[in-house]
C-alpha cells in the first residue's frame, strides 16, 4: 500500500470508530485518560488495526 492510502485508512478508521467510542469515553471518565488509551492500544480490535497500519508506515521514508 502507498503511504497516502495507509494514512487515509488511519484517518477514516479514527473518524468512523474512535471519535464516538462510548467504551473509551466511559473508561476515560471512570479511570482516566491513560487507562482509556492503554485499553485502546492493548485490548480494542480497532486499536490493534491502527497499530498494524502505523507499523506499515514505518517502511516509508519521510520525503
Protein backbone atom coordinates (compact mmCIF):
# COMPACT_ATOMS: atom_id res chain seq x y z
CA UNK A 1 0.00 0.00 0.00
CA UNK A 2 1.09 3.55 -0.61
CA UNK A 3 1.74 5.86 2.30
CA UNK A 4 -1.17 8.08 1.27
CA UNK A 5 -3.57 5.14 1.22
CA UNK A 6 -2.42 4.00 4.66
CA UNK A 7 -2.81 7.47 6.18
CA UNK A 8 -6.26 7.84 4.64
CA UNK A 9 -7.30 4.48 6.10
CA UNK A 10 -5.99 5.52 9.51
CA UNK A 11 -7.93 8.77 9.33
CA UNK A 12 -11.11 7.00 8.19
CA UNK A 13 -10.82 4.43 10.98
CA UNK A 14 -10.31 7.08 13.64
CA UNK A 15 -13.22 9.16 12.39
CA UNK A 16 -15.55 6.19 11.98
CA UNK A 17 -14.85 4.09 15.06
CA UNK A 18 -12.84 6.05 17.61
CA UNK A 19 -14.39 9.50 17.56
CA UNK A 20 -17.64 8.49 19.29
CA UNK A 21 -16.43 5.37 21.11
CA UNK A 22 -18.55 5.03 24.23
CA UNK A 23 -16.19 2.45 25.77
CA UNK A 24 -13.21 4.81 25.56
CA UNK A 25 -15.30 7.68 26.91
CA UNK A 26 -16.53 5.57 29.84
CA UNK A 27 -13.03 4.39 30.73
CA UNK A 28 -11.72 7.93 30.39
CA UNK A 29 -14.40 9.21 32.76
CA UNK A 30 -14.03 6.39 35.31
CA UNK A 31 -10.31 5.62 35.23
CA UNK A 32 -8.62 8.47 33.40
CA UNK A 33 -7.09 9.17 30.02
CA UNK A 34 -4.05 6.91 30.41
CA UNK A 35 -6.15 3.85 31.25
CA UNK A 36 -8.52 4.51 28.36
CA UNK A 37 -5.64 4.91 25.93
CA UNK A 38 -3.93 1.75 27.13
CA UNK A 39 -7.21 -0.15 26.72
CA UNK A 40 -7.49 1.06 23.14
CA UNK A 41 -3.91 0.08 22.36
CA UNK A 42 -3.93 -3.25 24.17
CA UNK A 43 -7.45 -4.72 24.00
CA UNK A 44 -9.51 -2.99 21.32
CA UNK A 45 -9.60 -4.65 17.89
CA UNK A 46 -9.75 -1.24 16.20
CA UNK A 47 -6.71 -0.11 18.19
CA UNK A 48 -4.81 -3.20 17.12
CA UNK A 49 -5.70 -2.49 13.49
CA UNK A 50 -4.47 1.09 13.86
CA UNK A 51 -1.21 -0.18 15.32
CA UNK A 52 -0.76 -2.52 12.36
CA UNK A 53 -1.39 0.35 9.95
CA UNK A 54 1.09 2.50 11.86
CA UNK A 55 3.69 -0.24 11.65
CA UNK A 56 3.20 -0.38 7.89
CA UNK A 57 4.01 3.35 7.71
CA UNK A 58 7.48 2.66 9.08
CA UNK A 59 8.55 1.15 5.79
CA UNK A 60 8.20 4.52 4.04
CA UNK A 61 10.91 7.10 4.28
CA UNK A 62 9.90 10.65 5.01
CA UNK A 63 10.40 12.74 1.89
